[in-house]
C-alpha atoms as a PDB file:
ATOM      1  CA  MET A   1     -92.700 -82.881  29.012  1.00  0.00           C
ATOM      2  CA  ALA A   2     -92.244 -85.147  32.050  1.00  0.00           C
ATOM      3  CA  LYS A   3     -88.983 -83.228  32.948  1.00  0.00           C
ATOM      4  CA  ARG A   4     -90.845 -79.916  33.152  1.00  0.00           C
ATOM      5  CA  GLY A   5     -93.607 -81.628  35.314  1.00  0.00           C
ATOM      6  CA  VAL A   6     -91.091 -83.035  37.855  1.00  0.00           C
ATOM      7  CA  LEU A   7     -89.445 -79.489  38.029  1.00  0.00           C
ATOM      8  CA  ALA A   8     -92.715 -77.685  38.544  1.00  0.00           C
ATOM      9  CA  GLU A   9     -93.545 -80.225  41.195  1.00  0.00           C
ATOM     10  CA  TRP A  10     -90.109 -79.976  42.962  1.00  0.00           C
ATOM     11  CA  ARG A  11     -90.074 -76.033  42.727  1.00  0.00           C
ATOM     12  CA  ARG A  12     -93.912 -76.042  43.774  1.00  0.00           C
ATOM     13  CA  VAL A  13     -94.497 -73.584  40.976  1.00  0.00           C
ATOM     14  CA  ASP A  14     -95.126 -74.049  37.366  1.00  0.00           C
ATOM     15  CA  LEU A  15     -92.847 -71.531  35.415  1.00  0.00           C
ATOM     16  CA  ASP A  16     -93.800 -72.602  31.799  1.00  0.00           C
ATOM     17  CA  SER A  17     -96.173 -69.712  31.261  1.00  0.00           C
ATOM     18  CA  TRP A  18     -93.559 -67.208  32.752  1.00  0.00           C
ATOM     19  CA  GLU A  19     -90.786 -68.579  30.658  1.00  0.00           C
ATOM     20  CA  ARG A  20     -93.166 -68.247  27.440  1.00  0.00           C
ATOM     21  CA  GLU A  21     -93.881 -64.803  28.268  1.00  0.00           C
ATOM     22  CA  TRP A  22     -90.215 -64.067  28.969  1.00  0.00           C
ATOM     23  CA  ALA A  23     -89.126 -65.485  25.508  1.00  0.00           C
ATOM     24  CA  ASN A  24     -91.733 -63.190  23.748  1.00  0.00           C
ATOM     25  CA  ARG A  25     -90.062 -60.108  25.296  1.00  0.00           C
ATOM     26  CA  THR A  26     -86.677 -60.964  24.176  1.00  0.00           C
ATOM     27  CA  ARG A  27     -85.239 -58.741  21.391  1.00  0.00           C
ATOM     28  CA  SER A  28     -82.568 -59.212  18.703  1.00  0.00           C
ATOM     29  CA  ALA A  29     -79.071 -58.051  19.189  1.00  0.00           C
ATOM     30  CA  ALA A  30     -79.441 -55.711  16.277  1.00  0.00           C
ATOM     31  CA  GLY A  31     -82.421 -54.057  17.846  1.00  0.00           C
ATOM     32  CA  LEU A  32     -80.760 -53.754  21.274  1.00  0.00           C
ATOM     33  CA  VAL A  33     -77.581 -52.154  19.505  1.00  0.00           C
ATOM     34  CA  SER A  34     -79.428 -49.641  17.603  1.00  0.00           C
ATOM     35  CA  GLY A  35     -81.361 -48.655  20.691  1.00  0.00           C
ATOM     36  CA  VAL A  36     -78.189 -48.149  22.748  1.00  0.00           C
ATOM     37  CA  LEU A  37     -76.711 -46.059  19.809  1.00  0.00           C
ATOM     38  CA  GLN A  38     -79.863 -43.825  19.721  1.00  0.00           C
ATOM     39  CA  GLY A  39     -79.367 -43.417  23.407  1.00  0.00           C
ATOM     40  CA  LEU A  40     -75.850 -42.258  23.081  1.00  0.00           C
ATOM     41  CA  ARG A  41     -76.972 -39.620  20.536  1.00  0.00           C
ATOM     42  CA  LEU A  42     -73.854 -40.051  18.403  1.00  0.00           C
ATOM     43  CA  ASP A  43     -75.184 -38.306  15.404  1.00  0.00           C
ATOM     44  CA  GLN A  44     -75.923 -35.203  17.578  1.00  0.00           C
ATOM     45  CA  ARG A  45     -72.498 -35.432  19.056  1.00  0.00           C
ATOM     46  CA  LYS A  46     -70.929 -35.651  15.673  1.00  0.00           C
ATOM     47  CA  ALA A  47     -72.794 -32.534  14.588  1.00  0.00           C
ATOM     48  CA  GLU A  48     -71.654 -30.714  17.683  1.00  0.00           C
ATOM     49  CA  THR A  49     -68.060 -31.537  16.949  1.00  0.00           C
ATOM     50  CA  GLU A  50     -68.339 -30.301  13.364  1.00  0.00           C
ATOM     51  CA  VAL A  51     -69.905 -27.134  14.705  1.00  0.00           C
ATOM     52  CA  VAL A  52     -66.750 -26.380  16.931  1.00  0.00           C
ATOM     53  CA  LYS A  53     -64.275 -27.355  14.152  1.00  0.00           C
ATOM     54  CA  VAL A  54     -66.058 -24.940  11.676  1.00  0.00           C
ATOM     55  CA  TRP A  55     -66.481 -22.208  14.341  1.00  0.00           C
ATOM     56  CA  ASN A  56     -62.870 -21.975  14.791  1.00  0.00           C
ATOM     57  CA  ARG A  57     -62.038 -21.980  11.127  1.00  0.00           C
ATOM     58  CA  LEU A  58     -65.022 -19.773   9.866  1.00  0.00           C
ATOM     59  CA  LEU A  59     -64.879 -17.002  12.421  1.00  0.00           C
ATOM     60  CA  ASP A  60     -62.701 -14.077  13.350  1.00  0.00           C
ATOM     61  CA  PRO A  61     -59.968 -15.464  15.614  1.00  0.00           C
ATOM     62  CA  ASN A  62     -60.730 -12.707  18.107  1.00  0.00           C
ATOM     63  CA  ILE A  63     -64.208 -14.022  18.365  1.00  0.00           C
ATOM     64  CA  ALA A  64     -63.263 -17.632  18.512  1.00  0.00           C
ATOM     65  CA  ALA A  65     -60.695 -16.928  21.244  1.00  0.00           C
ATOM     66  CA  HIS A  66     -63.566 -15.416  23.423  1.00  0.00           C
ATOM     67  CA  ALA A  67     -66.518 -17.431  22.456  1.00  0.00           C
ATOM     68  CA  GLN A  68     -66.835 -21.120  21.995  1.00  0.00           C
ATOM     69  CA  PRO A  69     -69.984 -23.305  21.188  1.00  0.00           C
ATOM     70  CA  VAL A  70     -70.978 -25.738  23.922  1.00  0.00           C
ATOM     71  CA  GLY A  71     -74.035 -27.457  22.649  1.00  0.00           C
ATOM     72  CA  LEU A  72     -76.588 -27.768  19.901  1.00  0.00           C
ATOM     73  CA  ARG A  73     -80.192 -28.739  20.921  1.00  0.00           C
ATOM     74  CA  LYS A  74     -83.393 -28.415  18.814  1.00  0.00           C
ATOM     75  CA  GLY A  75     -81.837 -26.040  16.291  1.00  0.00           C
ATOM     76  CA  THR A  76     -80.369 -23.607  18.902  1.00  0.00           C
ATOM     77  CA  LEU A  77     -76.515 -23.345  19.161  1.00  0.00           C
ATOM     78  CA  PHE A  78     -75.495 -22.502  22.712  1.00  0.00           C
ATOM     79  CA  VAL A  79     -72.304 -20.474  22.922  1.00  0.00           C
ATOM     80  CA  HIS A  80     -70.413 -19.520  26.082  1.00  0.00           C
ATOM     81  CA  VAL A  81     -68.573 -16.022  25.976  1.00  0.00           C
ATOM     82  CA  ASP A  82     -65.686 -15.456  28.455  1.00  0.00           C
ATOM     83  CA  ASN A  83     -66.592 -11.817  29.417  1.00  0.00           C
ATOM     84  CA  SER A  84     -69.400  -9.290  29.306  1.00  0.00           C
ATOM     85  CA  VAL A  85     -67.477  -6.891  26.902  1.00  0.00           C
ATOM     86  CA  TRP A  86     -67.266  -9.453  24.263  1.00  0.00           C
ATOM     87  CA  LEU A  87     -70.757 -10.809  24.790  1.00  0.00           C
ATOM     88  CA  THR A  88     -72.131  -7.325  24.319  1.00  0.00           C
ATOM     89  CA  GLU A  89     -69.994  -7.046  21.204  1.00  0.00           C
ATOM     90  CA  ILE A  90     -71.117 -10.169  19.653  1.00  0.00           C
ATOM     91  CA  VAL A  91     -74.799  -9.875  20.516  1.00  0.00           C
ATOM     92  CA  ARG A  92     -75.171  -6.463  19.207  1.00  0.00           C
ATOM     93  CA  TYR A  93     -72.764  -6.353  16.105  1.00  0.00           C
ATOM     94  CA  ARG A  94     -71.710  -9.790  14.993  1.00  0.00           C
ATOM     95  CA  GLN A  95     -74.676 -12.099  15.853  1.00  0.00           C
ATOM     96  CA  ARG A  96     -76.421 -11.890  12.441  1.00  0.00           C
ATOM     97  CA  GLU A  97     -73.095 -12.495  10.674  1.00  0.00           C
ATOM     98  CA  ILE A  98     -72.210 -15.527  12.678  1.00  0.00           C
ATOM     99  CA  LEU A  99     -75.613 -17.076  12.265  1.00  0.00           C
ATOM    100  CA  THR A 100     -75.426 -16.341   8.408  1.00  0.00           C
ATOM    101  CA  ARG A 101     -71.913 -17.998   8.036  1.00  0.00           C
ATOM    102  CA  LEU A 102     -72.951 -21.025  10.218  1.00  0.00           C
ATOM    103  CA  GLN A 103     -76.297 -21.474   8.376  1.00  0.00           C
ATOM    104  CA  ALA A 104     -74.304 -21.295   5.092  1.00  0.00           C
ATOM    105  CA  SER A 105     -72.125 -24.145   6.359  1.00  0.00           C
ATOM    106  CA  PHE A 106     -74.691 -26.397   8.002  1.00  0.00           C
ATOM    107  CA  GLY A 107     -77.983 -25.339   6.579  1.00  0.00           C
ATOM    108  CA  SER A 108     -80.899 -23.377   8.231  1.00  0.00           C
ATOM    109  CA  GLN A 109     -82.364 -26.607   9.609  1.00  0.00           C
ATOM    110  CA  VAL A 110     -79.506 -27.512  11.727  1.00  0.00           C
ATOM    111  CA  ILE A 111     -78.724 -24.147  13.278  1.00  0.00           C
ATOM    112  CA  GLN A 112     -81.924 -21.907  13.501  1.00  0.00           C
ATOM    113  CA  ARG A 113     -80.735 -19.684  16.197  1.00  0.00           C
ATOM    114  CA  ILE A 114     -77.920 -18.860  18.535  1.00  0.00           C
ATOM    115  CA  SER A 115     -77.849 -18.316  22.263  1.00  0.00           C
ATOM    116  CA  PHE A 116     -74.823 -16.590  23.735  1.00  0.00           C
ATOM    117  CA  ARG A 117     -74.298 -16.790  27.418  1.00  0.00           C
ATOM    118  CA  LEU A 118     -71.693 -15.504  29.906  1.00  0.00           C
ATOM    119  CA  GLY A 119     -69.705 -18.531  31.063  1.00  0.00           C
END
């Protein structure tokens, strides 16, 4: 107690209240690590990686050669297609088939729709 009083007098400020407040705001290492892992979105990245693997095995090699998934957000799978001819082919004639196959593999909650883009 005397030590804190001497330090407060020497510093010309009493840090006891600040130190107590700071101690109350500290978090456990487990809480900190789980927060960091959530920020990294590892579960989502794992799902995206699985989609790419299944995409290449499940679909016609001609489609896989010209269209590749690039992201999965809120149930929408984003796919880049390398040219407009293949984009038209996929959107007009193959989109429903692709969506059905992916939903059979991952479930309709994971992939609800597909957005094809030229890119």
